[in-house]
Amino acid sequence: RPLEVLLVDDDEIFLDFTAYELEQLGCAVTAVNDPEEALRILRERNFDAVITDWQMPVIDGIELVSRAREDIGPDRFRYVVLTTARADASTARAALEAGADDVLFKPLDRLQLELTVASVRRTVALQRRLHRHNRHLVTAHRKTREAYRRIEADIAAAAALHHGLLPRAQPTDRVDFAWSYMPASNLGGDSIGLVTLRNGATLFF
């Protein structure tokens, strides 16, 4: 399926141009010029990527990146890109420290945008594959635990039956006895017993 991208910029011309370029690269784009509206949309929908301008009124790109990270659940992934006209190393470092995965410098170069989209596509594909594997592991783990519980129940039932066959304390005038039976696990392979014979003798085994 196409990448779901939320594009945020207060410059309408840049917004329209970039949205067009992203759509040409196979993305489904939702473009908004208001960062507060962008946050509202993020709370209602999931996007594979958010591309936001740095310098915007009220809420700048850094704050938007931070809040976009807070709104996402632990089992989902969102690729975040900051766009800025300040093309220097300190700006890129600040963006990455704020939680951005990539930085695009204005004016956007088509090749630069293609590389970013390709990176988003690979990362999102890996995340989806990881989530599928995790779901399979959770399912396999649940089935294994259910099978283990059934085996435990069977062993407990067999152990209860086995213990029911062990001798009861029956002191008589002739013999006082006690016993200790401690199998290595819930169920042992040996047994002990005490039987009074017809002639009054007591048989131990």
N, C-alpha and C. Protein backbone atom coordinates (compact mmCIF):
# COMPACT_ATOMS: atom_id res chain seq x y z
N ARG A 1 0.85 -1.19 0.00
CA ARG A 1 0.00 0.00 0.00
C ARG A 1 0.88 1.24 0.00
N PRO A 2 0.36 2.39 -0.45
CA PRO A 2 1.18 3.60 -0.47
C PRO A 2 1.51 4.07 0.94
N LEU A 3 2.60 4.80 1.05
CA LEU A 3 2.97 5.38 2.34
C LEU A 3 1.98 6.47 2.71
N GLU A 4 1.50 6.43 3.95
CA GLU A 4 0.62 7.48 4.46
C GLU A 4 1.49 8.58 5.07
N VAL A 5 1.46 9.77 4.47
CA VAL A 5 2.34 10.86 4.89
C VAL A 5 1.50 12.07 5.30
N LEU A 6 1.82 12.62 6.46
CA LEU A 6 1.24 13.88 6.91
C LEU A 6 2.27 14.98 6.66
N LEU A 7 1.92 15.95 5.85
CA LEU A 7 2.82 17.05 5.48
C LEU A 7 2.32 18.32 6.15
N VAL A 8 3.22 18.98 6.89
CA VAL A 8 2.84 20.17 7.66
C VAL A 8 3.78 21.31 7.30
N ASP A 9 3.20 22.44 6.85
CA ASP A 9 3.99 23.63 6.54
C ASP A 9 3.04 24.81 6.43
N ASP A 10 3.46 25.98 6.95
CA ASP A 10 2.61 27.16 6.89
C ASP A 10 2.74 27.91 5.57
N ASP A 11 3.61 27.44 4.69
CA ASP A 11 3.79 28.04 3.36
C ASP A 11 2.94 27.24 2.37
N GLU A 12 1.86 27.85 1.89
CA GLU A 12 0.92 27.14 1.03
C GLU A 12 1.57 26.68 -0.27
N ILE A 13 2.44 27.51 -0.86
CA ILE A 13 3.08 27.15 -2.12
C ILE A 13 3.99 25.94 -1.93
N PHE A 14 4.81 25.98 -0.84
CA PHE A 14 5.69 24.85 -0.55
C PHE A 14 4.87 23.61 -0.25
N LEU A 15 3.76 23.80 0.46
CA LEU A 15 2.90 22.68 0.82
C LEU A 15 2.35 21.99 -0.42
N ASP A 16 1.83 22.79 -1.37
CA ASP A 16 1.25 22.21 -2.59
C ASP A 16 2.32 21.53 -3.44
N PHE A 17 3.48 22.18 -3.57
CA PHE A 17 4.55 21.63 -4.40
C PHE A 17 5.05 20.31 -3.82
N THR A 18 5.31 20.29 -2.51
CA THR A 18 5.86 19.09 -1.89
C THR A 18 4.84 17.96 -1.89
N ALA A 19 3.57 18.29 -1.67
CA ALA A 19 2.52 17.27 -1.71
C ALA A 19 2.46 16.63 -3.10
N TYR A 20 2.57 17.45 -4.12
CA TYR A 20 2.56 16.92 -5.49
C TYR A 20 3.75 15.99 -5.72
N GLU A 21 4.95 16.42 -5.29
CA GLU A 21 6.14 15.60 -5.48
C GLU A 21 6.03 14.27 -4.73
N LEU A 22 5.49 14.31 -3.51
CA LEU A 22 5.34 13.08 -2.74
C LEU A 22 4.33 12.13 -3.38
N GLU A 23 3.26 12.69 -3.92
CA GLU A 23 2.27 11.85 -4.60
C GLU A 23 2.87 11.20 -5.84
N GLN A 24 3.75 11.91 -6.53
CA GLN A 24 4.43 11.34 -7.68
C GLN A 24 5.35 10.18 -7.28
N LEU A 25 5.79 10.20 -6.02
CA LEU A 25 6.66 9.14 -5.51
C LEU A 25 5.87 8.00 -4.85
N GLY A 26 4.54 8.01 -5.02
CA GLY A 26 3.72 6.91 -4.53
C GLY A 26 3.24 7.05 -3.11
N CYS A 27 3.14 8.28 -2.61
CA CYS A 27 2.67 8.51 -1.24
C CYS A 27 1.23 9.01 -1.25
N ALA A 28 0.48 8.64 -0.23
CA ALA A 28 -0.84 9.21 0.01
C ALA A 28 -0.66 10.34 1.01
N VAL A 29 -0.87 11.57 0.56
CA VAL A 29 -0.47 12.75 1.34
C VAL A 29 -1.68 13.45 1.93
N THR A 30 -1.58 13.78 3.21
CA THR A 30 -2.52 14.69 3.87
C THR A 30 -1.74 15.95 4.21
N ALA A 31 -2.10 17.06 3.60
CA ALA A 31 -1.34 18.30 3.76
C ALA A 31 -2.13 19.30 4.60
N VAL A 32 -1.50 19.85 5.63
CA VAL A 32 -2.14 20.86 6.49
C VAL A 32 -1.15 21.98 6.74
N ASN A 33 -1.68 23.21 6.88
CA ASN A 33 -0.82 24.38 7.12
C ASN A 33 -0.86 24.85 8.56
N ASP A 34 -1.54 24.11 9.43
CA ASP A 34 -1.69 24.50 10.83
C ASP A 34 -1.16 23.37 11.71
N PRO A 35 -0.09 23.60 12.49
CA PRO A 35 0.48 22.53 13.32
C PRO A 35 -0.49 22.00 14.38
N GLU A 36 -1.37 22.86 14.90
CA GLU A 36 -2.35 22.37 15.87
C GLU A 36 -3.35 21.41 15.21
N GLU A 37 -3.73 21.73 13.99
CA GLU A 37 -4.60 20.82 13.24
C GLU A 37 -3.87 19.52 12.95
N ALA A 38 -2.57 19.62 12.68
CA ALA A 38 -1.77 18.41 12.43
C ALA A 38 -1.77 17.50 13.65
N LEU A 39 -1.61 18.07 14.85
CA LEU A 39 -1.61 17.27 16.07
C LEU A 39 -2.97 16.60 16.29
N ARG A 40 -4.03 17.34 15.98
CA ARG A 40 -5.37 16.75 16.12
C ARG A 40 -5.53 15.55 15.18
N ILE A 41 -5.06 15.70 13.95
CA ILE A 41 -5.16 14.61 12.97
C ILE A 41 -4.32 13.42 13.42
N LEU A 42 -3.14 13.69 13.99
CA LEU A 42 -2.27 12.61 14.44
C LEU A 42 -2.91 11.80 15.56
N ARG A 43 -3.71 12.45 16.38
CA ARG A 43 -4.39 11.72 17.46
C ARG A 43 -5.48 10.81 16.93
N GLU A 44 -6.00 11.13 15.75
CA GLU A 44 -7.12 10.36 15.19
C GLU A 44 -6.68 9.32 14.18
N ARG A 45 -5.53 9.55 13.52
CA ARG A 45 -5.09 8.65 12.46
C ARG A 45 -3.62 8.31 12.63
N ASN A 46 -3.27 7.18 12.07
CA ASN A 46 -1.86 6.79 12.07
C ASN A 46 -1.25 7.08 10.71
N PHE A 47 -0.03 7.59 10.72
CA PHE A 47 0.70 7.88 9.49
C PHE A 47 2.05 7.17 9.54
N ASP A 48 2.49 6.74 8.36
CA ASP A 48 3.82 6.14 8.28
C ASP A 48 4.90 7.18 8.49
N ALA A 49 4.65 8.40 8.03
CA ALA A 49 5.66 9.45 8.13
C ALA A 49 5.01 10.81 8.35
N VAL A 50 5.72 11.68 9.06
CA VAL A 50 5.32 13.07 9.24
C VAL A 50 6.47 13.93 8.74
N ILE A 51 6.17 14.81 7.79
CA ILE A 51 7.17 15.75 7.28
C ILE A 51 6.69 17.14 7.67
N THR A 52 7.45 17.81 8.53
CA THR A 52 7.01 19.09 9.06
C THR A 52 8.08 20.16 8.94
N ASP A 53 7.63 21.38 8.69
CA ASP A 53 8.53 22.53 8.67
C ASP A 53 9.01 22.82 10.08
N TRP A 54 10.20 23.40 10.19
CA TRP A 54 10.76 23.74 11.50
C TRP A 54 10.12 25.01 12.04
N GLN A 55 10.20 26.09 11.25
CA GLN A 55 9.76 27.41 11.73
C GLN A 55 8.31 27.65 11.34
N MET A 56 7.43 27.54 12.34
CA MET A 56 6.00 27.79 12.15
C MET A 56 5.48 28.56 13.36
N PRO A 57 4.41 29.34 13.19
CA PRO A 57 3.86 30.09 14.33
C PRO A 57 3.19 29.18 15.35
N VAL A 58 3.18 29.62 16.60
CA VAL A 58 2.53 28.96 17.74
C VAL A 58 3.27 27.68 18.12
N ILE A 59 3.26 26.70 17.24
CA ILE A 59 3.96 25.43 17.49
C ILE A 59 5.00 25.24 16.40
N ASP A 60 6.27 25.21 16.78
CA ASP A 60 7.30 25.00 15.76
C ASP A 60 7.49 23.50 15.50
N GLY A 61 8.35 23.21 14.53
CA GLY A 61 8.55 21.82 14.13
C GLY A 61 9.13 20.95 15.22
N ILE A 62 10.01 21.51 16.05
CA ILE A 62 10.63 20.74 17.13
C ILE A 62 9.56 20.28 18.12
N GLU A 63 8.67 21.19 18.52
CA GLU A 63 7.61 20.82 19.45
C GLU A 63 6.64 19.82 18.80
N LEU A 64 6.38 20.02 17.51
CA LEU A 64 5.49 19.09 16.81
C LEU A 64 6.09 17.69 16.77
N VAL A 65 7.39 17.61 16.53
CA VAL A 65 8.07 16.31 16.51
C VAL A 65 7.95 15.64 17.87
N SER A 66 8.22 16.40 18.92
CA SER A 66 8.17 15.85 20.28
C SER A 66 6.77 15.34 20.60
N ARG A 67 5.75 16.11 20.28
CA ARG A 67 4.38 15.71 20.61
C ARG A 67 3.90 14.59 19.69
N ALA A 68 4.40 14.56 18.47
CA ALA A 68 4.05 13.46 17.56
C ALA A 68 4.60 12.14 18.09
N ARG A 69 5.75 12.19 18.74
CA ARG A 69 6.34 10.99 19.34
C ARG A 69 5.52 10.54 20.55
N GLU A 70 4.99 11.49 21.32
CA GLU A 70 4.23 11.14 22.52
C GLU A 70 2.91 10.47 22.18
N ASP A 71 2.29 10.87 21.08
CA ASP A 71 0.94 10.40 20.75
C ASP A 71 0.92 8.99 20.18
N ILE A 72 2.07 8.47 19.77
CA ILE A 72 2.07 7.18 19.11
C ILE A 72 2.22 6.06 20.13
N GLY A 73 1.57 4.93 19.87
CA GLY A 73 1.63 3.80 20.78
C GLY A 73 2.95 3.06 20.66
N PRO A 74 3.27 2.22 21.64
CA PRO A 74 4.55 1.50 21.64
C PRO A 74 4.67 0.46 20.54
N ASP A 75 3.53 0.01 19.99
CA ASP A 75 3.57 -1.03 18.97
C ASP A 75 3.47 -0.47 17.55
N ARG A 76 3.60 0.85 17.42
CA ARG A 76 3.53 1.47 16.10
C ARG A 76 4.77 2.31 15.87
N PHE A 77 5.04 2.58 14.60
CA PHE A 77 6.23 3.35 14.24
C PHE A 77 5.82 4.53 13.36
N ARG A 78 6.50 5.64 13.55
CA ARG A 78 6.23 6.83 12.74
C ARG A 78 7.56 7.49 12.39
N TYR A 79 7.84 7.60 11.12
CA TYR A 79 9.07 8.23 10.63
C TYR A 79 8.83 9.74 10.58
N VAL A 80 9.73 10.52 11.19
CA VAL A 80 9.54 11.97 11.29
C VAL A 80 10.68 12.69 10.59
N VAL A 81 10.31 13.64 9.72
CA VAL A 81 11.29 14.42 8.95
C VAL A 81 11.04 15.90 9.20
N LEU A 82 12.10 16.65 9.48
CA LEU A 82 12.02 18.10 9.64
C LEU A 82 12.56 18.77 8.39
N THR A 83 11.86 19.78 7.92
CA THR A 83 12.35 20.59 6.80
C THR A 83 12.75 21.95 7.33
N THR A 84 13.86 22.49 6.81
CA THR A 84 14.35 23.79 7.26
C THR A 84 15.21 24.42 6.19
N ALA A 85 15.26 25.76 6.21
CA ALA A 85 16.11 26.49 5.27
C ALA A 85 17.51 26.68 5.83
N ARG A 86 17.70 26.36 7.10
CA ARG A 86 19.02 26.53 7.74
C ARG A 86 19.85 25.27 7.53
N ALA A 87 20.60 25.25 6.46
CA ALA A 87 21.37 24.07 6.09
C ALA A 87 22.74 24.08 6.75
N ASP A 88 22.80 23.69 8.01
CA ASP A 88 24.09 23.59 8.69
C ASP A 88 24.05 22.39 9.63
N ALA A 89 25.24 21.98 10.08
CA ALA A 89 25.36 20.77 10.89
C ALA A 89 24.66 20.92 12.24
N SER A 90 24.75 22.10 12.86
CA SER A 90 24.13 22.28 14.17
C SER A 90 22.61 22.16 14.09
N THR A 91 22.03 22.64 12.99
CA THR A 91 20.58 22.53 12.80
C THR A 91 20.17 21.07 12.66
N ALA A 92 20.93 20.33 11.85
CA ALA A 92 20.62 18.91 11.67
C ALA A 92 20.76 18.15 12.98
N ARG A 93 21.79 18.49 13.76
CA ARG A 93 22.01 17.81 15.04
C ARG A 93 20.85 18.10 16.00
N ALA A 94 20.41 19.35 16.04
CA ALA A 94 19.30 19.73 16.92
C ALA A 94 18.02 18.99 16.52
N ALA A 95 17.81 18.84 15.22
CA ALA A 95 16.62 18.13 14.75
C ALA A 95 16.65 16.66 15.16
N LEU A 96 17.82 16.03 15.01
CA LEU A 96 17.94 14.62 15.38
C LEU A 96 17.79 14.43 16.88
N GLU A 97 18.35 15.36 17.67
CA GLU A 97 18.22 15.28 19.13
C GLU A 97 16.78 15.46 19.57
N ALA A 98 16.00 16.21 18.79
CA ALA A 98 14.59 16.43 19.12
C ALA A 98 13.72 15.23 18.80
N GLY A 99 14.28 14.26 18.07
CA GLY A 99 13.52 13.05 17.76
C GLY A 99 13.23 12.85 16.29
N ALA A 100 13.75 13.74 15.43
CA ALA A 100 13.54 13.57 13.99
C ALA A 100 14.42 12.43 13.47
N ASP A 101 13.91 11.72 12.48
CA ASP A 101 14.69 10.65 11.85
C ASP A 101 15.52 11.16 10.68
N ASP A 102 15.13 12.29 10.12
CA ASP A 102 15.83 12.83 8.95
C ASP A 102 15.57 14.33 8.88
N VAL A 103 16.41 15.00 8.09
CA VAL A 103 16.29 16.45 7.89
C VAL A 103 16.35 16.72 6.39
N LEU A 104 15.42 17.54 5.90
CA LEU A 104 15.43 17.99 4.50
C LEU A 104 15.66 19.49 4.48
N PHE A 105 16.59 19.94 3.65
CA PHE A 105 16.90 21.36 3.59
C PHE A 105 16.19 22.01 2.40
N LYS A 106 15.62 23.16 2.67
CA LYS A 106 14.92 23.93 1.63
C LYS A 106 15.93 24.77 0.86
N PRO A 107 15.69 25.00 -0.44
CA PRO A 107 14.63 24.41 -1.27
C PRO A 107 14.88 22.93 -1.52
N LEU A 108 13.82 22.15 -1.49
CA LEU A 108 13.95 20.71 -1.60
C LEU A 108 14.45 20.30 -2.98
N ASP A 109 15.39 19.39 -2.97
CA ASP A 109 15.88 18.79 -4.20
C ASP A 109 15.11 17.50 -4.45
N ARG A 110 14.73 17.24 -5.69
CA ARG A 110 13.92 16.05 -6.01
C ARG A 110 14.65 14.77 -5.60
N LEU A 111 15.93 14.68 -5.87
CA LEU A 111 16.69 13.49 -5.50
C LEU A 111 16.73 13.32 -3.99
N GLN A 112 16.90 14.43 -3.27
CA GLN A 112 16.93 14.39 -1.80
C GLN A 112 15.59 13.85 -1.27
N LEU A 113 14.50 14.30 -1.89
CA LEU A 113 13.18 13.85 -1.47
C LEU A 113 12.99 12.36 -1.80
N GLU A 114 13.46 11.94 -2.97
CA GLU A 114 13.37 10.53 -3.34
C GLU A 114 14.13 9.65 -2.36
N LEU A 115 15.32 10.08 -1.96
CA LEU A 115 16.11 9.30 -1.01
C LEU A 115 15.40 9.19 0.34
N THR A 116 14.79 10.29 0.77
CA THR A 116 14.06 10.27 2.04
C THR A 116 12.87 9.32 1.98
N VAL A 117 12.11 9.38 0.89
CA VAL A 117 10.95 8.50 0.74
C VAL A 117 11.39 7.04 0.69
N ALA A 118 12.51 6.77 -0.01
CA ALA A 118 13.02 5.40 -0.07
C ALA A 118 13.42 4.92 1.31
N SER A 119 14.03 5.80 2.11
CA SER A 119 14.41 5.44 3.48
C SER A 119 13.18 5.17 4.33
N VAL A 120 12.16 6.02 4.18
CA VAL A 120 10.91 5.80 4.92
C VAL A 120 10.30 4.47 4.52
N ARG A 121 10.28 4.18 3.23
CA ARG A 121 9.66 2.95 2.75
C ARG A 121 10.35 1.70 3.31
N ARG A 122 11.69 1.73 3.30
CA ARG A 122 12.44 0.58 3.83
C ARG A 122 12.20 0.42 5.33
N THR A 123 12.25 1.54 6.05
CA THR A 123 12.08 1.48 7.50
C THR A 123 10.69 1.00 7.88
N VAL A 124 9.67 1.54 7.20
CA VAL A 124 8.30 1.13 7.49
C VAL A 124 8.09 -0.34 7.16
N ALA A 125 8.67 -0.80 6.04
CA ALA A 125 8.55 -2.22 5.67
C ALA A 125 9.18 -3.11 6.73
N LEU A 126 10.34 -2.71 7.24
CA LEU A 126 10.99 -3.49 8.29
C LEU A 126 10.15 -3.51 9.56
N GLN A 127 9.56 -2.37 9.91
CA GLN A 127 8.73 -2.30 11.10
C GLN A 127 7.48 -3.17 10.96
N ARG A 128 6.88 -3.15 9.79
CA ARG A 128 5.69 -4.00 9.57
C ARG A 128 6.06 -5.47 9.69
N ARG A 129 7.21 -5.83 9.10
CA ARG A 129 7.65 -7.22 9.19
C ARG A 129 7.92 -7.61 10.64
N LEU A 130 8.54 -6.71 11.38
CA LEU A 130 8.82 -6.97 12.79
C LEU A 130 7.54 -7.14 13.58
N HIS A 131 6.54 -6.31 13.30
CA HIS A 131 5.25 -6.42 14.00
C HIS A 131 4.57 -7.75 13.68
N ARG A 132 4.66 -8.18 12.40
CA ARG A 132 4.07 -9.48 12.05
C ARG A 132 4.76 -10.61 12.79
N HIS A 133 6.09 -10.56 12.83
CA HIS A 133 6.84 -11.59 13.57
C HIS A 133 6.45 -11.58 15.04
N ASN A 134 6.33 -10.39 15.61
CA ASN A 134 5.96 -10.29 17.03
C ASN A 134 4.58 -10.87 17.29
N ARG A 135 3.64 -10.60 16.37
CA ARG A 135 2.30 -11.17 16.54
C ARG A 135 2.34 -12.69 16.46
N HIS A 136 3.14 -13.21 15.52
CA HIS A 136 3.27 -14.67 15.41
C HIS A 136 3.89 -15.26 16.68
N LEU A 137 4.89 -14.56 17.23
CA LEU A 137 5.53 -15.03 18.46
C LEU A 137 4.55 -15.02 19.62
N VAL A 138 3.74 -13.97 19.71
CA VAL A 138 2.74 -13.89 20.79
C VAL A 138 1.75 -15.05 20.67
N THR A 139 1.30 -15.32 19.44
CA THR A 139 0.36 -16.42 19.22
C THR A 139 0.99 -17.77 19.58
N ALA A 140 2.24 -17.97 19.12
CA ALA A 140 2.93 -19.23 19.42
C ALA A 140 3.16 -19.37 20.92
N HIS A 141 3.51 -18.27 21.58
CA HIS A 141 3.73 -18.32 23.03
C HIS A 141 2.44 -18.67 23.76
N ARG A 142 1.31 -18.08 23.33
CA ARG A 142 0.03 -18.37 23.98
C ARG A 142 -0.34 -19.84 23.81
N LYS A 143 -0.15 -20.37 22.59
CA LYS A 143 -0.48 -21.78 22.35
C LYS A 143 0.42 -22.70 23.17
N THR A 144 1.70 -22.33 23.28
CA THR A 144 2.63 -23.15 24.07
C THR A 144 2.23 -23.15 25.54
N ARG A 145 1.85 -21.97 26.06
CA ARG A 145 1.43 -21.89 27.47
C ARG A 145 0.16 -22.70 27.70
N GLU A 146 -0.77 -22.66 26.75
CA GLU A 146 -2.00 -23.44 26.89
C GLU A 146 -1.69 -24.93 26.91
N ALA A 147 -0.79 -25.37 26.01
CA ALA A 147 -0.41 -26.79 25.98
C ALA A 147 0.29 -27.17 27.28
N TYR A 148 1.15 -26.27 27.76
CA TYR A 148 1.86 -26.54 29.02
C TYR A 148 0.89 -26.64 30.19
N ARG A 149 -0.13 -25.77 30.22
CA ARG A 149 -1.14 -25.84 31.30
C ARG A 149 -1.91 -27.16 31.24
N ARG A 150 -2.22 -27.61 30.01
CA ARG A 150 -2.93 -28.89 29.89
C ARG A 150 -2.06 -30.04 30.39
N ILE A 151 -0.77 -30.02 30.03
CA ILE A 151 0.14 -31.07 30.50
C ILE A 151 0.27 -31.03 32.02
N GLU A 152 0.39 -29.80 32.56
CA GLU A 152 0.48 -29.67 34.02
C GLU A 152 -0.76 -30.23 34.70
N ALA A 153 -1.94 -29.95 34.11
CA ALA A 153 -3.19 -30.46 34.69
C ALA A 153 -3.21 -31.99 34.65
N ASP A 154 -2.74 -32.58 33.54
CA ASP A 154 -2.70 -34.04 33.44
C ASP A 154 -1.74 -34.64 34.47
N ILE A 155 -0.57 -33.99 34.62
CA ILE A 155 0.41 -34.48 35.60
C ILE A 155 -0.14 -34.36 37.02
N ALA A 156 -0.82 -33.24 37.30
CA ALA A 156 -1.40 -33.06 38.63
C ALA A 156 -2.46 -34.11 38.92
N ALA A 157 -3.28 -34.43 37.90
CA ALA A 157 -4.32 -35.45 38.08
C ALA A 157 -3.67 -36.82 38.33
N ALA A 158 -2.62 -37.13 37.56
CA ALA A 158 -1.94 -38.42 37.76
C ALA A 158 -1.27 -38.47 39.12
N ALA A 159 -0.69 -37.34 39.55
CA ALA A 159 -0.04 -37.30 40.86
C ALA A 159 -1.07 -37.51 41.98
N ALA A 160 -2.25 -36.89 41.83
CA ALA A 160 -3.29 -37.06 42.84
C ALA A 160 -3.74 -38.52 42.91
N LEU A 161 -3.87 -39.15 41.73
CA LEU A 161 -4.24 -40.56 41.71
C LEU A 161 -3.15 -41.42 42.37
N HIS A 162 -1.91 -41.12 42.07
CA HIS A 162 -0.79 -41.87 42.62
C HIS A 162 -0.75 -41.73 44.15
N HIS A 163 -0.91 -40.51 44.62
CA HIS A 163 -0.89 -40.30 46.08
C HIS A 163 -2.06 -40.99 46.75
N GLY A 164 -3.17 -41.13 46.02
CA GLY A 164 -4.31 -41.84 46.60
C GLY A 164 -4.04 -43.31 46.82
N LEU A 165 -3.06 -43.87 46.11
CA LEU A 165 -2.70 -45.28 46.27
C LEU A 165 -1.71 -45.52 47.40
N LEU A 166 -1.12 -44.43 47.92
CA LEU A 166 -0.13 -44.59 48.99
C LEU A 166 -0.83 -44.97 50.29
N PRO A 167 -0.12 -45.62 51.19
CA PRO A 167 -0.76 -46.11 52.43
C PRO A 167 -1.20 -44.98 53.35
N ARG A 168 -2.31 -45.22 54.04
CA ARG A 168 -2.78 -44.28 55.06
C ARG A 168 -2.21 -44.70 56.42
N ALA A 169 -2.04 -43.76 57.29
CA ALA A 169 -1.56 -44.07 58.64
C ALA A 169 -2.64 -44.86 59.38
N GLN A 170 -2.35 -46.14 59.71
CA GLN A 170 -3.31 -47.00 60.41
C GLN A 170 -2.59 -47.68 61.57
N PRO A 171 -2.33 -46.96 62.64
CA PRO A 171 -1.62 -47.58 63.77
C PRO A 171 -2.43 -48.74 64.36
N THR A 172 -1.73 -49.79 64.68
CA THR A 172 -2.36 -50.97 65.29
C THR A 172 -1.62 -51.29 66.59
N ASP A 173 -2.13 -52.32 67.31
CA ASP A 173 -1.45 -52.73 68.55
C ASP A 173 -0.07 -53.31 68.26
N ARG A 174 0.06 -53.86 67.05
CA ARG A 174 1.30 -54.57 66.74
C ARG A 174 2.36 -53.66 66.12
N VAL A 175 1.92 -52.71 65.24
CA VAL A 175 2.90 -51.94 64.46
C VAL A 175 2.51 -50.47 64.44
N ASP A 176 3.47 -49.63 64.72
CA ASP A 176 3.34 -48.20 64.43
C ASP A 176 4.28 -47.90 63.27
N PHE A 177 3.82 -47.17 62.26
CA PHE A 177 4.70 -46.92 61.12
C PHE A 177 4.51 -45.47 60.62
N ALA A 178 5.47 -45.02 59.91
CA ALA A 178 5.41 -43.73 59.23
C ALA A 178 6.15 -43.86 57.91
N TRP A 179 5.88 -42.97 56.98
CA TRP A 179 6.58 -43.05 55.70
C TRP A 179 6.78 -41.66 55.13
N SER A 180 7.76 -41.57 54.29
CA SER A 180 8.04 -40.32 53.57
C SER A 180 8.23 -40.65 52.10
N TYR A 181 7.46 -40.01 51.26
CA TYR A 181 7.50 -40.29 49.83
C TYR A 181 7.74 -38.96 49.11
N MET A 182 8.90 -38.78 48.51
CA MET A 182 9.26 -37.52 47.87
C MET A 182 9.76 -37.77 46.45
N PRO A 183 8.86 -37.76 45.46
CA PRO A 183 9.30 -37.96 44.08
C PRO A 183 10.14 -36.77 43.60
N ALA A 184 10.94 -37.01 42.58
CA ALA A 184 11.82 -35.95 42.06
C ALA A 184 11.02 -34.82 41.42
N SER A 185 9.81 -35.12 40.93
CA SER A 185 8.94 -34.09 40.37
C SER A 185 7.53 -34.31 40.90
N ASN A 186 6.54 -33.77 40.19
CA ASN A 186 5.17 -33.94 40.67
C ASN A 186 4.75 -35.40 40.75
N LEU A 187 5.31 -36.21 39.86
CA LEU A 187 4.89 -37.60 39.76
C LEU A 187 6.11 -38.50 39.75
N GLY A 188 6.10 -39.49 40.63
CA GLY A 188 7.22 -40.43 40.69
C GLY A 188 6.87 -41.75 40.01
N GLY A 189 7.88 -42.55 39.70
CA GLY A 189 7.66 -43.82 39.04
C GLY A 189 7.60 -45.00 39.99
N ASP A 190 7.95 -44.78 41.26
CA ASP A 190 7.94 -45.85 42.26
C ASP A 190 6.75 -45.68 43.19
N SER A 191 6.49 -46.70 43.97
CA SER A 191 5.39 -46.63 44.92
C SER A 191 5.77 -47.39 46.18
N ILE A 192 5.09 -47.08 47.26
CA ILE A 192 5.28 -47.81 48.52
C ILE A 192 3.91 -48.26 49.01
N GLY A 193 3.90 -49.25 49.89
CA GLY A 193 2.62 -49.72 50.38
C GLY A 193 2.74 -50.52 51.66
N LEU A 194 1.61 -50.67 52.32
CA LEU A 194 1.51 -51.45 53.55
C LEU A 194 0.17 -52.17 53.50
N VAL A 195 0.22 -53.52 53.59
CA VAL A 195 -0.99 -54.32 53.46
C VAL A 195 -1.06 -55.31 54.63
N THR A 196 -2.21 -55.39 55.26
CA THR A 196 -2.43 -56.39 56.30
C THR A 196 -2.96 -57.67 55.65
N LEU A 197 -2.25 -58.74 55.83
CA LEU A 197 -2.62 -60.00 55.21
C LEU A 197 -3.70 -60.73 56.01
N ARG A 198 -4.23 -61.80 55.46
CA ARG A 198 -5.32 -62.54 56.12
C ARG A 198 -4.89 -63.15 57.45
N ASN A 199 -3.62 -63.53 57.50
CA ASN A 199 -3.17 -64.17 58.72
C ASN A 199 -2.74 -63.16 59.78
N GLY A 200 -3.02 -61.88 59.51
CA GLY A 200 -2.66 -60.85 60.48
C GLY A 200 -1.29 -60.28 60.31
N ALA A 201 -0.51 -60.86 59.42
CA ALA A 201 0.83 -60.30 59.18
C ALA A 201 0.72 -58.99 58.38
N THR A 202 1.75 -58.21 58.46
CA THR A 202 1.79 -56.92 57.74
C THR A 202 2.87 -56.99 56.66
N LEU A 203 2.44 -56.66 55.44
CA LEU A 203 3.35 -56.68 54.31
C LEU A 203 3.74 -55.26 53.94
N PHE A 204 5.04 -55.00 53.92
CA PHE A 204 5.55 -53.72 53.45
C PHE A 204 6.18 -53.92 52.08
N PHE A 205 5.97 -52.96 51.17
CA PHE A 205 6.67 -53.03 49.88
C PHE A 205 7.01 -51.62 49.41
